[in-house]
C-alpha atoms as a PDB file:
ATOM      1  CA  MET A   1      21.778 -11.271  22.736  1.00  0.00           C
ATOM      2  CA  LYS A   2      20.273 -14.720  23.259  1.00  0.00           C
ATOM      3  CA  LEU A   3      16.543 -15.187  22.740  1.00  0.00           C
ATOM      4  CA  GLN A   4      15.642 -15.996  26.338  1.00  0.00           C
ATOM      5  CA  GLU A   5      17.515 -12.973  27.581  1.00  0.00           C
ATOM      6  CA  THR A   6      14.821 -10.931  25.844  1.00  0.00           C
ATOM      7  CA  LEU A   7      11.565 -12.905  26.126  1.00  0.00           C
ATOM      8  CA  GLU A   8      10.185 -15.932  27.945  1.00  0.00           C
ATOM      9  CA  LYS A   9       9.971 -19.232  26.065  1.00  0.00           C
ATOM     10  CA  ASN A  10       6.181 -19.049  25.668  1.00  0.00           C
ATOM     11  CA  GLN A  11       6.418 -15.568  24.155  1.00  0.00           C
ATOM     12  CA  LEU A  12       9.137 -16.685  21.768  1.00  0.00           C
ATOM     13  CA  LEU A  13       7.096 -19.695  20.702  1.00  0.00           C
ATOM     14  CA  ASP A  14       4.111 -17.426  20.131  1.00  0.00           C
ATOM     15  CA  PHE A  15       6.227 -15.250  17.830  1.00  0.00           C
ATOM     16  CA  TYR A  16       7.204 -18.344  15.869  1.00  0.00           C
ATOM     17  CA  ARG A  17       3.587 -19.533  15.822  1.00  0.00           C
ATOM     18  CA  GLN A  18       2.398 -16.211  14.421  1.00  0.00           C
ATOM     19  CA  MET A  19       5.084 -16.045  11.744  1.00  0.00           C
ATOM     20  CA  PHE A  20       4.467 -19.627  10.671  1.00  0.00           C
ATOM     21  CA  LEU A  21       0.702 -19.003  10.621  1.00  0.00           C
ATOM     22  CA  ILE A  22       1.187 -16.050   8.282  1.00  0.00           C
ATOM     23  CA  ARG A  23       3.509 -18.077   6.033  1.00  0.00           C
ATOM     24  CA  ARG A  24       1.185 -21.074   5.745  1.00  0.00           C
ATOM     25  CA  PHE A  25      -1.878 -18.856   5.374  1.00  0.00           C
ATOM     26  CA  GLU A  26      -0.228 -17.042   2.478  1.00  0.00           C
ATOM     27  CA  GLU A  27       0.973 -20.237   0.812  1.00  0.00           C
ATOM     28  CA  MET A  28      -2.524 -21.683   1.094  1.00  0.00           C
ATOM     29  CA  SER A  29      -4.013 -18.450  -0.272  1.00  0.00           C
ATOM     30  CA  ALA A  30      -1.794 -18.791  -3.335  1.00  0.00           C
ATOM     31  CA  GLU A  31      -2.987 -22.367  -3.782  1.00  0.00           C
ATOM     32  CA  GLN A  32      -6.652 -21.377  -3.455  1.00  0.00           C
ATOM     33  CA  TYR A  33      -6.099 -18.552  -5.936  1.00  0.00           C
ATOM     34  CA  THR A  34      -4.814 -20.962  -8.561  1.00  0.00           C
ATOM     35  CA  LEU A  35      -7.888 -23.133  -7.922  1.00  0.00           C
ATOM     36  CA  GLY A  36     -10.156 -20.167  -8.599  1.00  0.00           C
ATOM     37  CA  ASN A  37     -11.534 -19.922  -5.064  1.00  0.00           C
ATOM     38  CA  ILE A  38      -9.928 -16.503  -4.570  1.00  0.00           C
ATOM     39  CA  ARG A  39     -10.356 -13.944  -7.319  1.00  0.00           C
ATOM     40  CA  GLY A  40      -9.253 -10.424  -8.080  1.00  0.00           C
ATOM     41  CA  PHE A  41      -5.889  -9.266  -6.797  1.00  0.00           C
ATOM     42  CA  LEU A  42      -3.861 -11.190  -4.237  1.00  0.00           C
ATOM     43  CA  HIS A  43      -0.680  -9.689  -2.762  1.00  0.00           C
ATOM     44  CA  LEU A  44       1.283 -12.101  -0.574  1.00  0.00           C
ATOM     45  CA  TYR A  45       3.353 -11.213   2.492  1.00  0.00           C
ATOM     46  CA  ILE A  46       5.749 -14.161   2.257  1.00  0.00           C
ATOM     47  CA  GLY A  47       9.216 -13.147   3.463  1.00  0.00           C
ATOM     48  CA  GLU A  48       8.076 -10.155   5.516  1.00  0.00           C
ATOM     49  CA  GLU A  49       6.470 -12.007   8.445  1.00  0.00           C
ATOM     50  CA  ALA A  50       9.012 -10.781  11.003  1.00  0.00           C
ATOM     51  CA  ILE A  51       7.907  -7.190  10.494  1.00  0.00           C
ATOM     52  CA  ALA A  52       4.227  -7.710  11.258  1.00  0.00           C
ATOM     53  CA  VAL A  53       4.902  -9.980  14.233  1.00  0.00           C
ATOM     54  CA  GLY A  54       7.737  -7.981  15.791  1.00  0.00           C
ATOM     55  CA  ALA A  55       6.032  -4.630  15.338  1.00  0.00           C
ATOM     56  CA  ILE A  56       2.417  -5.423  16.213  1.00  0.00           C
ATOM     57  CA  ASN A  57       3.348  -7.471  19.276  1.00  0.00           C
ATOM     58  CA  SER A  58       4.977  -4.329  20.663  1.00  0.00           C
ATOM     59  CA  LEU A  59       1.588  -2.621  20.811  1.00  0.00           C
ATOM     60  CA  LEU A  60      -1.211  -2.678  23.374  1.00  0.00           C
ATOM     61  CA  PRO A  61      -4.683  -4.048  22.513  1.00  0.00           C
ATOM     62  CA  GLN A  62      -6.137  -0.529  22.326  1.00  0.00           C
ATOM     63  CA  ASP A  63      -3.618   0.610  19.703  1.00  0.00           C
ATOM     64  CA  TYR A  64      -4.736   0.964  16.091  1.00  0.00           C
ATOM     65  CA  VAL A  65      -3.184  -0.591  12.998  1.00  0.00           C
ATOM     66  CA  VAL A  66      -3.752   0.801   9.496  1.00  0.00           C
ATOM     67  CA  THR A  67      -2.039  -0.715   6.491  1.00  0.00           C
ATOM     68  CA  HIS A  68      -1.729  -1.200   2.746  1.00  0.00           C
ATOM     69  CA  TYR A  69      -3.135  -3.850   0.411  1.00  0.00           C
ATOM     70  CA  ARG A  70      -0.540  -6.501   1.383  1.00  0.00           C
ATOM     71  CA  ASP A  71      -2.463  -6.788   4.627  1.00  0.00           C
ATOM     72  CA  HIS A  72      -3.044 -10.451   5.517  1.00  0.00           C
ATOM     73  CA  GLY A  73       0.051 -10.696   7.731  1.00  0.00           C
ATOM     74  CA  HIS A  74      -0.825  -7.567   9.701  1.00  0.00           C
ATOM     75  CA  ALA A  75      -4.396  -8.755  10.207  1.00  0.00           C
ATOM     76  CA  LEU A  76      -3.306 -12.125  11.567  1.00  0.00           C
ATOM     77  CA  ALA A  77      -0.624 -10.586  13.790  1.00  0.00           C
ATOM     78  CA  LYS A  78      -3.291  -8.242  15.230  1.00  0.00           C
ATOM     79  CA  GLY A  79      -5.246 -11.321  16.274  1.00  0.00           C
ATOM     80  CA  MET A  80      -7.909 -11.548  13.595  1.00  0.00           C
ATOM     81  CA  ASP A  81      -9.605 -14.916  13.133  1.00  0.00           C
ATOM     82  CA  PRO A  82      -7.974 -16.912  10.285  1.00  0.00           C
ATOM     83  CA  ASN A  83     -11.404 -18.306   9.388  1.00  0.00           C
ATOM     84  CA  ALA A  84     -12.867 -14.828   8.922  1.00  0.00           C
ATOM     85  CA  VAL A  85      -9.850 -13.662   6.940  1.00  0.00           C
ATOM     86  CA  MET A  86      -9.879 -16.670   4.589  1.00  0.00           C
ATOM     87  CA  ALA A  87     -13.641 -16.361   4.147  1.00  0.00           C
ATOM     88  CA  GLU A  88     -13.135 -12.738   3.137  1.00  0.00           C
ATOM     89  CA  LEU A  89     -10.608 -13.793   0.512  1.00  0.00           C
ATOM     90  CA  PHE A  90     -13.214 -16.239  -0.781  1.00  0.00           C
ATOM     91  CA  GLY A  91     -15.796 -13.419  -0.926  1.00  0.00           C
ATOM     92  CA  LYS A  92     -18.065 -15.143   1.573  1.00  0.00           C
ATOM     93  CA  SER A  93     -20.601 -13.538   3.920  1.00  0.00           C
ATOM     94  CA  THR A  94     -18.744 -14.913   6.969  1.00  0.00           C
ATOM     95  CA  GLY A  95     -15.670 -12.882   6.049  1.00  0.00           C
ATOM     96  CA  CYS A  96     -14.439 -10.041   8.215  1.00  0.00           C
ATOM     97  CA  SER A  97     -15.856  -7.526   5.712  1.00  0.00           C
ATOM     98  CA  LYS A  98     -18.857  -9.714   4.893  1.00  0.00           C
ATOM     99  CA  GLY A  99     -17.302 -10.769   1.611  1.00  0.00           C
ATOM    100  CA  LYS A 100     -17.414  -7.255   0.189  1.00  0.00           C
ATOM    101  CA  GLY A 101     -13.813  -6.220   0.726  1.00  0.00           C
ATOM    102  CA  GLY A 102     -11.659  -9.109  -0.377  1.00  0.00           C
ATOM    103  CA  SER A 103      -7.919  -9.435   0.022  1.00  0.00           C
ATOM    104  CA  MET A 104      -7.062  -5.739   0.064  1.00  0.00           C
ATOM    105  CA  HIS A 105      -9.770  -4.568   2.463  1.00  0.00           C
ATOM    106  CA  LEU A 106      -9.598  -6.638   5.629  1.00  0.00           C
ATOM    107  CA  PHE A 107     -11.117  -4.889   8.655  1.00  0.00           C
ATOM    108  CA  ASP A 108     -11.859  -5.600  12.320  1.00  0.00           C
ATOM    109  CA  ALA A 109     -12.880  -2.592  14.417  1.00  0.00           C
ATOM    110  CA  GLU A 110     -13.030  -4.690  17.596  1.00  0.00           C
ATOM    111  CA  LYS A 111      -9.365  -5.627  17.169  1.00  0.00           C
ATOM    112  CA  ARG A 112      -8.650  -2.015  16.150  1.00  0.00           C
ATOM    113  CA  PHE A 113      -7.397  -3.236  12.814  1.00  0.00           C
ATOM    114  CA  MET A 114      -8.670  -0.334  10.768  1.00  0.00           C
ATOM    115  CA  GLY A 115      -8.197  -1.762   7.347  1.00  0.00           C
ATOM    116  CA  GLY A 116      -6.006  -2.471   4.415  1.00  0.00           C
ATOM    117  CA  TYR A 117      -6.260   0.083   1.613  1.00  0.00           C
ATOM    118  CA  ALA A 118      -5.795  -0.451  -2.110  1.00  0.00           C
ATOM    119  CA  ILE A 119      -4.745   3.104  -2.983  1.00  0.00           C
ATOM    120  CA  VAL A 120      -0.986   3.512  -2.526  1.00  0.00           C
ATOM    121  CA  GLY A 121      -0.464   5.956   0.339  1.00  0.00           C
ATOM    122  CA  GLY A 122      -4.194   6.278   0.927  1.00  0.00           C
ATOM    123  CA  GLN A 123      -3.934   4.889   4.448  1.00  0.00           C
ATOM    124  CA  LEU A 124      -1.559   7.624   5.633  1.00  0.00           C
ATOM    125  CA  PRO A 125      -4.075  10.487   6.037  1.00  0.00           C
ATOM    126  CA  LEU A 126      -6.474   8.044   7.719  1.00  0.00           C
ATOM    127  CA  ALA A 127      -3.785   7.090  10.229  1.00  0.00           C
ATOM    128  CA  VAL A 128      -3.158  10.761  10.966  1.00  0.00           C
ATOM    129  CA  GLY A 129      -6.892  11.255  11.470  1.00  0.00           C
ATOM    130  CA  LEU A 130      -7.072   8.329  13.899  1.00  0.00           C
ATOM    131  CA  ALA A 131      -4.085   9.693  15.805  1.00  0.00           C
ATOM    132  CA  LEU A 132      -5.656  13.157  15.941  1.00  0.00           C
ATOM    133  CA  ALA A 133      -8.896  11.671  17.320  1.00  0.00           C
ATOM    134  CA  SER A 134      -6.958   9.665  19.903  1.00  0.00           C
ATOM    135  CA  LYS A 135      -5.104  12.752  21.089  1.00  0.00           C
ATOM    136  CA  TYR A 136      -8.264  14.906  21.092  1.00  0.00           C
ATOM    137  CA  LYS A 137     -10.158  12.336  23.190  1.00  0.00           C
ATOM    138  CA  LYS A 138      -7.120  11.841  25.465  1.00  0.00           C
ATOM    139  CA  GLU A 139      -7.070   8.095  24.804  1.00  0.00           C
ATOM    140  CA  ASP A 140      -4.095   5.976  25.786  1.00  0.00           C
ATOM    141  CA  SER A 141      -3.765   4.629  22.261  1.00  0.00           C
ATOM    142  CA  LEU A 142      -1.421   5.153  19.358  1.00  0.00           C
ATOM    143  CA  VAL A 143      -1.625   4.368  15.654  1.00  0.00           C
ATOM    144  CA  MET A 144       0.772   2.163  13.698  1.00  0.00           C
ATOM    145  CA  CYS A 145       0.628   2.865   9.981  1.00  0.00           C
ATOM    146  CA  PHE A 146       2.346   0.423   7.617  1.00  0.00           C
ATOM    147  CA  LEU A 147       3.401   1.535   4.159  1.00  0.00           C
ATOM    148  CA  GLY A 148       5.648   0.269   1.408  1.00  0.00           C
ATOM    149  CA  ASP A 149       8.656   1.984  -0.102  1.00  0.00           C
ATOM    150  CA  GLY A 150       6.521   2.747  -3.152  1.00  0.00           C
ATOM    151  CA  ALA A 151       4.332   5.082  -1.075  1.00  0.00           C
ATOM    152  CA  ILE A 152       7.235   7.456  -0.397  1.00  0.00           C
ATOM    153  CA  ASN A 153       6.681   9.047  -3.809  1.00  0.00           C
ATOM    154  CA  GLU A 154       3.067   9.870  -2.980  1.00  0.00           C
ATOM    155  CA  GLY A 155       2.097  13.338  -1.788  1.00  0.00           C
ATOM    156  CA  GLU A 156       0.113  11.851   1.113  1.00  0.00           C
ATOM    157  CA  PHE A 157       3.362  10.615   2.654  1.00  0.00           C
ATOM    158  CA  HIS A 158       4.833  14.096   3.016  1.00  0.00           C
ATOM    159  CA  GLU A 159       1.537  15.766   3.928  1.00  0.00           C
ATOM    160  CA  SER A 160       0.871  13.169   6.615  1.00  0.00           C
ATOM    161  CA  LEU A 161       4.342  13.354   8.156  1.00  0.00           C
ATOM    162  CA  ASN A 162       4.153  17.126   8.195  1.00  0.00           C
ATOM    163  CA  LEU A 163       0.788  17.276   9.989  1.00  0.00           C
ATOM    164  CA  ALA A 164       1.661  14.462  12.386  1.00  0.00           C
ATOM    165  CA  SER A 165       4.829  16.258  13.442  1.00  0.00           C
ATOM    166  CA  LEU A 166       3.200  19.691  13.533  1.00  0.00           C
ATOM    167  CA  TRP A 167       0.475  18.429  15.866  1.00  0.00           C
ATOM    168  CA  LYS A 168       2.699  15.928  17.765  1.00  0.00           C
ATOM    169  CA  LEU A 169       0.343  13.062  17.061  1.00  0.00           C
ATOM    170  CA  PRO A 170       0.719   9.536  18.493  1.00  0.00           C
ATOM    171  CA  VAL A 171       1.508   7.692  15.277  1.00  0.00           C
ATOM    172  CA  ILE A 172       4.291   5.388  14.104  1.00  0.00           C
ATOM    173  CA  PHE A 173       4.926   5.325  10.354  1.00  0.00           C
ATOM    174  CA  PHE A 174       6.348   1.892   9.564  1.00  0.00           C
ATOM    175  CA  VAL A 175       7.985   1.645   6.134  1.00  0.00           C
ATOM    176  CA  GLU A 176       8.324  -1.916   4.835  1.00  0.00           C
ATOM    177  CA  ASN A 177      11.108  -1.497   2.305  1.00  0.00           C
ATOM    178  CA  ASN A 178      11.030  -4.685   0.235  1.00  0.00           C
ATOM    179  CA  LEU A 179      13.119  -3.008  -2.486  1.00  0.00           C
ATOM    180  CA  TYR A 180      10.410  -3.046  -5.158  1.00  0.00           C
ATOM    181  CA  GLY A 181       7.296  -1.027  -5.982  1.00  0.00           C
ATOM    182  CA  MET A 182       5.408  -3.428  -8.247  1.00  0.00           C
ATOM    183  CA  GLY A 183       8.027  -4.302 -10.888  1.00  0.00           C
ATOM    184  CA  ALA A 184      10.314  -1.309 -10.400  1.00  0.00           C
ATOM    185  CA  ALA A 185      13.322  -1.408  -8.094  1.00  0.00           C
ATOM    186  CA  VAL A 186      13.332   1.378  -5.537  1.00  0.00           C
ATOM    187  CA  ASP A 187      16.614   2.770  -6.863  1.00  0.00           C
ATOM    188  CA  GLN A 188      14.881   3.355 -10.207  1.00  0.00           C
ATOM    189  CA  THR A 189      12.043   5.402  -8.750  1.00  0.00           C
ATOM    190  CA  LEU A 190      13.388   7.256  -5.721  1.00  0.00           C
ATOM    191  CA  VAL A 191      16.486   9.482  -5.590  1.00  0.00           C
ATOM    192  CA  PHE A 192      16.855   9.083  -1.817  1.00  0.00           C
ATOM    193  CA  HIS A 193      16.322   5.310  -2.006  1.00  0.00           C
ATOM    194  CA  ASP A 194      19.288   4.229   0.117  1.00  0.00           C
ATOM    195  CA  GLU A 195      18.227   6.146   3.240  1.00  0.00           C
ATOM    196  CA  ILE A 196      14.433   6.370   3.184  1.00  0.00           C
ATOM    197  CA  TYR A 197      14.237   6.604   6.963  1.00  0.00           C
ATOM    198  CA  LYS A 198      16.038   9.945   6.861  1.00  0.00           C
ATOM    199  CA  PHE A 199      13.047  11.556   5.129  1.00  0.00           C
ATOM    200  CA  ALA A 200      11.469  11.833   8.579  1.00  0.00           C
ATOM    201  CA  ARG A 201      14.247  14.138   9.765  1.00  0.00           C
ATOM    202  CA  ALA A 202      12.970  16.827   7.405  1.00  0.00           C
ATOM    203  CA  TYR A 203       9.810  16.782   9.529  1.00  0.00           C
ATOM    204  CA  LYS A 204      11.714  16.868  12.838  1.00  0.00           C
ATOM    205  CA  MET A 205      10.720  13.303  13.617  1.00  0.00           C
ATOM    206  CA  PRO A 206      12.807  10.606  15.339  1.00  0.00           C
ATOM    207  CA  THR A 207      13.551   7.722  13.030  1.00  0.00           C
ATOM    208  CA  ALA A 208      15.319   4.367  12.812  1.00  0.00           C
ATOM    209  CA  ARG A 209      16.249   1.645  10.332  1.00  0.00           C
ATOM    210  CA  VAL A 210      16.039  -2.026  11.272  1.00  0.00           C
ATOM    211  CA  ASP A 211      16.656  -5.473   9.781  1.00  0.00           C
ATOM    212  CA  GLY A 212      13.122  -6.502   8.813  1.00  0.00           C
ATOM    213  CA  MET A 213      14.114 -10.153   8.458  1.00  0.00           C
ATOM    214  CA  ASP A 214      14.828 -10.469  12.196  1.00  0.00           C
ATOM    215  CA  VAL A 215      11.729 -10.487  14.394  1.00  0.00           C
ATOM    216  CA  MET A 216      13.676  -9.703  17.572  1.00  0.00           C
ATOM    217  CA  LYS A 217      15.371  -6.662  16.048  1.00  0.00           C
ATOM    218  CA  VAL A 218      12.033  -5.421  14.745  1.00  0.00           C
ATOM    219  CA  MET A 219      10.496  -5.806  18.190  1.00  0.00           C
ATOM    220  CA  GLU A 220      13.387  -3.999  19.878  1.00  0.00           C
ATOM    221  CA  ALA A 221      13.220  -1.027  17.496  1.00  0.00           C
ATOM    222  CA  THR A 222       9.435  -0.847  17.692  1.00  0.00           C
ATOM    223  CA  LYS A 223       9.343  -0.930  21.482  1.00  0.00           C
ATOM    224  CA  LYS A 224      11.667   2.056  21.557  1.00  0.00           C
ATOM    225  CA  ALA A 225       9.388   3.914  19.159  1.00  0.00           C
ATOM    226  CA  VAL A 226       6.258   2.960  21.101  1.00  0.00           C
ATOM    227  CA  GLU A 227       7.794   4.210  24.351  1.00  0.00           C
ATOM    228  CA  SER A 228       8.638   7.528  22.720  1.00  0.00           C
ATOM    229  CA  VAL A 229       5.246   8.020  21.095  1.00  0.00           C
ATOM    230  CA  ARG A 230       3.200   6.887  24.091  1.00  0.00           C
ATOM    231  CA  GLY A 231       5.249   9.193  26.266  1.00  0.00           C
ATOM    232  CA  GLY A 232       4.069  12.206  24.288  1.00  0.00           C
ATOM    233  CA  GLY A 233       7.100  12.555  22.025  1.00  0.00           C
ATOM    234  CA  GLY A 234       5.045  12.818  18.848  1.00  0.00           C
ATOM    235  CA  PRO A 235       5.335  10.706  15.684  1.00  0.00           C
ATOM    236  CA  TYR A 236       8.119   8.291  14.827  1.00  0.00           C
ATOM    237  CA  LEU A 237       9.233   6.588  11.607  1.00  0.00           C
ATOM    238  CA  ILE A 238      10.818   3.144  11.258  1.00  0.00           C
ATOM    239  CA  GLU A 239      12.191   1.708   8.032  1.00  0.00           C
ATOM    240  CA  ALA A 240      12.472  -2.093   7.960  1.00  0.00           C
ATOM    241  CA  MET A 241      14.656  -3.632   5.260  1.00  0.00           C
ATOM    242  CA  ALA A 242      13.031  -6.785   3.910  1.00  0.00           C
ATOM    243  CA  TYR A 243      12.269  -8.772   0.776  1.00  0.00           C
ATOM    244  CA  ARG A 244       9.090 -10.289  -0.596  1.00  0.00           C
ATOM    245  CA  PHE A 245       9.755 -13.820  -1.799  1.00  0.00           C
ATOM    246  CA  ARG A 246       6.837 -13.764  -4.241  1.00  0.00           C
ATOM    247  CA  GLY A 247       5.912 -11.281  -6.946  1.00  0.00           C
ATOM    248  CA  HIS A 248       4.029  -8.052  -6.450  1.00  0.00           C
ATOM    249  CA  SER A 249       0.814 -10.027  -6.861  1.00  0.00           C
ATOM    250  CA  MET A 250      -0.193 -13.462  -8.096  1.00  0.00           C
ATOM    251  CA  ALA A 251      -0.236 -12.002 -11.615  1.00  0.00           C
ATOM    252  CA  ASP A 252       3.463 -11.084 -11.423  1.00  0.00           C
ATOM    253  CA  PRO A 253       5.953 -13.513 -13.066  1.00  0.00           C
ATOM    254  CA  ILE A 254       8.896 -11.635 -11.411  1.00  0.00           C
ATOM    255  CA  GLU A 255      10.978 -11.494 -14.566  1.00  0.00           C
ATOM    256  CA  TYR A 256      12.629  -8.258 -13.448  1.00  0.00           C
ATOM    257  CA  ARG A 257      14.534  -9.803 -10.519  1.00  0.00           C
ATOM    258  CA  ALA A 258      17.825 -11.673 -10.670  1.00  0.00           C
ATOM    259  CA  LYS A 259      17.723 -15.228  -9.337  1.00  0.00           C
ATOM    260  CA  ALA A 260      20.986 -14.654  -7.483  1.00  0.00           C
ATOM    261  CA  GLU A 261      19.366 -11.780  -5.587  1.00  0.00           C
ATOM    262  CA  GLU A 262      16.394 -13.927  -4.642  1.00  0.00           C
ATOM    263  CA  GLU A 263      18.615 -16.751  -3.402  1.00  0.00           C
ATOM    264  CA  ARG A 264      20.720 -14.342  -1.367  1.00  0.00           C
ATOM    265  CA  TRP A 265      17.659 -13.020   0.446  1.00  0.00           C
ATOM    266  CA  LYS A 266      16.139 -16.456   0.986  1.00  0.00           C
ATOM    267  CA  LYS A 267      19.121 -17.288   3.154  1.00  0.00           C
ATOM    268  CA  LYS A 268      17.739 -14.637   5.513  1.00  0.00           C
ATOM    269  CA  ASP A 269      14.275 -16.219   5.613  1.00  0.00           C
ATOM    270  CA  PRO A 270      12.879 -14.945   8.960  1.00  0.00           C
ATOM    271  CA  ILE A 271      11.166 -18.229   9.790  1.00  0.00           C
ATOM    272  CA  VAL A 272      14.038 -20.532   8.876  1.00  0.00           C
ATOM    273  CA  THR A 273      16.599 -18.457  10.754  1.00  0.00           C
ATOM    274  CA  PHE A 274      14.339 -18.136  13.819  1.00  0.00           C
ATOM    275  CA  ASN A 275      13.784 -21.899  13.826  1.00  0.00           C
ATOM    276  CA  LYS A 276      17.542 -22.486  13.764  1.00  0.00           C
ATOM    277  CA  ARG A 277      18.061 -20.089  16.667  1.00  0.00           C
ATOM    278  CA  PHE A 278      15.470 -21.945  18.753  1.00  0.00           C
ATOM    279  CA  VAL A 279      17.336 -25.208  18.305  1.00  0.00           C
ATOM    280  CA  SER A 280      20.898 -23.874  18.543  1.00  0.00           C
ATOM    281  CA  GLU A 281      20.140 -21.886  21.716  1.00  0.00           C
ATOM    282  CA  LYS A 282      18.163 -24.815  23.175  1.00  0.00           C
ATOM    283  CA  VAL A 283      15.022 -22.703  23.625  1.00  0.00           C
ATOM    284  CA  ALA A 284      12.902 -25.446  22.066  1.00  0.00           C
ATOM    285  CA  THR A 285      13.497 -28.794  20.419  1.00  0.00           C
ATOM    286  CA  LYS A 286      12.877 -29.555  16.768  1.00  0.00           C
ATOM    287  CA  LYS A 287      10.086 -31.878  17.916  1.00  0.00           C
ATOM    288  CA  GLU A 288       8.339 -29.009  19.728  1.00  0.00           C
ATOM    289  CA  LEU A 289       8.570 -26.768  16.678  1.00  0.00           C
ATOM    290  CA  ASP A 290       7.360 -29.559  14.387  1.00  0.00           C
ATOM    291  CA  GLN A 291       4.323 -30.061  16.629  1.00  0.00           C
ATOM    292  CA  LEU A 292       3.595 -26.337  16.599  1.00  0.00           C
ATOM    293  CA  GLU A 293       3.823 -26.294  12.802  1.00  0.00           C
ATOM    294  CA  LYS A 294       1.448 -29.245  12.589  1.00  0.00           C
ATOM    295  CA  GLU A 295      -1.105 -27.368  14.688  1.00  0.00           C
ATOM    296  CA  ILE A 296      -0.823 -24.353  12.390  1.00  0.00           C
ATOM    297  CA  GLU A 297      -1.336 -26.572   9.341  1.00  0.00           C
ATOM    298  CA  GLU A 298      -4.632 -27.733  10.853  1.00  0.00           C
ATOM    299  CA  ILE A 299      -5.716 -24.157  11.590  1.00  0.00           C
ATOM    300  CA  VAL A 300      -5.101 -23.103   7.990  1.00  0.00           C
ATOM    301  CA  GLU A 301      -6.795 -26.198   6.554  1.00  0.00           C
ATOM    302  CA  ASN A 302      -9.810 -25.541   8.783  1.00  0.00           C
ATOM    303  CA  ALA A 303      -9.889 -21.932   7.614  1.00  0.00           C
ATOM    304  CA  VAL A 304     -10.143 -23.095   3.997  1.00  0.00           C
ATOM    305  CA  LYS A 305     -12.873 -25.587   4.929  1.00  0.00           C
ATOM    306  CA  PHE A 306     -14.788 -22.860   6.773  1.00  0.00           C
ATOM    307  CA  ALA A 307     -14.480 -20.465   3.840  1.00  0.00           C
ATOM    308  CA  ASP A 308     -15.428 -23.087   1.269  1.00  0.00           C
ATOM    309  CA  GLU A 309     -18.554 -24.107   3.188  1.00  0.00           C
ATOM    310  CA  SER A 310     -19.671 -20.537   3.944  1.00  0.00           C
ATOM    311  CA  PRO A 311     -22.368 -18.906   1.800  1.00  0.00           C
ATOM    312  CA  PHE A 312     -21.863 -16.017  -0.574  1.00  0.00           C
ATOM    313  CA  PRO A 313     -23.634 -12.771   0.401  1.00  0.00           C
ATOM    314  CA  GLU A 314     -27.298 -12.545  -0.596  1.00  0.00           C
ATOM    315  CA  PRO A 315     -28.128 -10.006  -3.329  1.00  0.00           C
ATOM    316  CA  ASP A 316     -29.883  -7.742  -0.800  1.00  0.00           C
ATOM    317  CA  ALA A 317     -26.595  -7.418   1.107  1.00  0.00           C
ATOM    318  CA  LEU A 318     -25.611  -4.972  -1.615  1.00  0.00           C
ATOM    319  CA  TYR A 319     -27.744  -2.360   0.145  1.00  0.00           C
ATOM    320  CA  GLU A 320     -26.399  -3.000   3.657  1.00  0.00           C
ATOM    321  CA  ASP A 321     -23.535  -1.138   5.333  1.00  0.00           C
ATOM    322  CA  VAL A 322     -23.813   1.909   3.071  1.00  0.00           C
ATOM    323  CA  TYR A 323     -23.833   5.570   4.090  1.00  0.00           C
ATOM    324  CA  GLY A 324     -27.206   6.346   2.549  1.00  0.00           C
ATOM    325  CA  SER A 325     -30.033   4.982   0.456  1.00  0.00           C
ATOM    326  CA  LYS A 326     -32.928   6.288  -1.585  1.00  0.00           C
END
């Protein structure tokens, strides 16, 4: 199906804008990390942009998103301010978590982006809790919970799917299968690695697998899931097949992957292929896309400038935003 048979030109351009923003933001984050402006762990989303954009744009503003530590792309797709996100990576007080969370703990309650979480699988019970609260309060909102293939081996995955199905909660479990959990290939760690999406059937849950390198296919599959969940059908699981073009983190030299494999997947680059479709289907000209990319470059450069010029938190901020004090 041609692009404009699915969405209007402005919507399609916005998809491209969001994916390119995530890509450039991540590339700039890597650069700032090497300069020492970002410290700690940094997990990049490069190569998986189509998942965040296709999935999150299928939601309504009142819907919640909960995710893992590779969270920058989800945060930006949910509409978070690039300045606030970059400032958080820099550990500055103007960051979305006031400089106290860093890369793995982005948060924006107003946008209903309920955080990235550093513990593998730790976000799953929280997503179930949010979905339970939404159902209890009779809200017209659902929860989208992103997880990696590495989280399938965690007990929280099975406990969360079981409770979500038992209570018919409005939650979509979105598995981003990028084929590796840190440095281990999924076929080395999971017996049922070739059909992860079928795990959901054990919990009587509808499920689907989609090409995670194609933003339109991700959107189509997600809209079907959203319609089912919002209609009271209970939880849903989607497995998106993708590939991270960088290592697990900035500290990962990626010596465990074959170069031929990497090159094969790079031919499916979601941004490059989407750009080619725009031009070949005459949705937009190369000049229009180049101008859009230039605008994104400026946004990312301004985000770095904002973060660099922002102050670090004051020492007394250590005692703010805590549950209790002496």
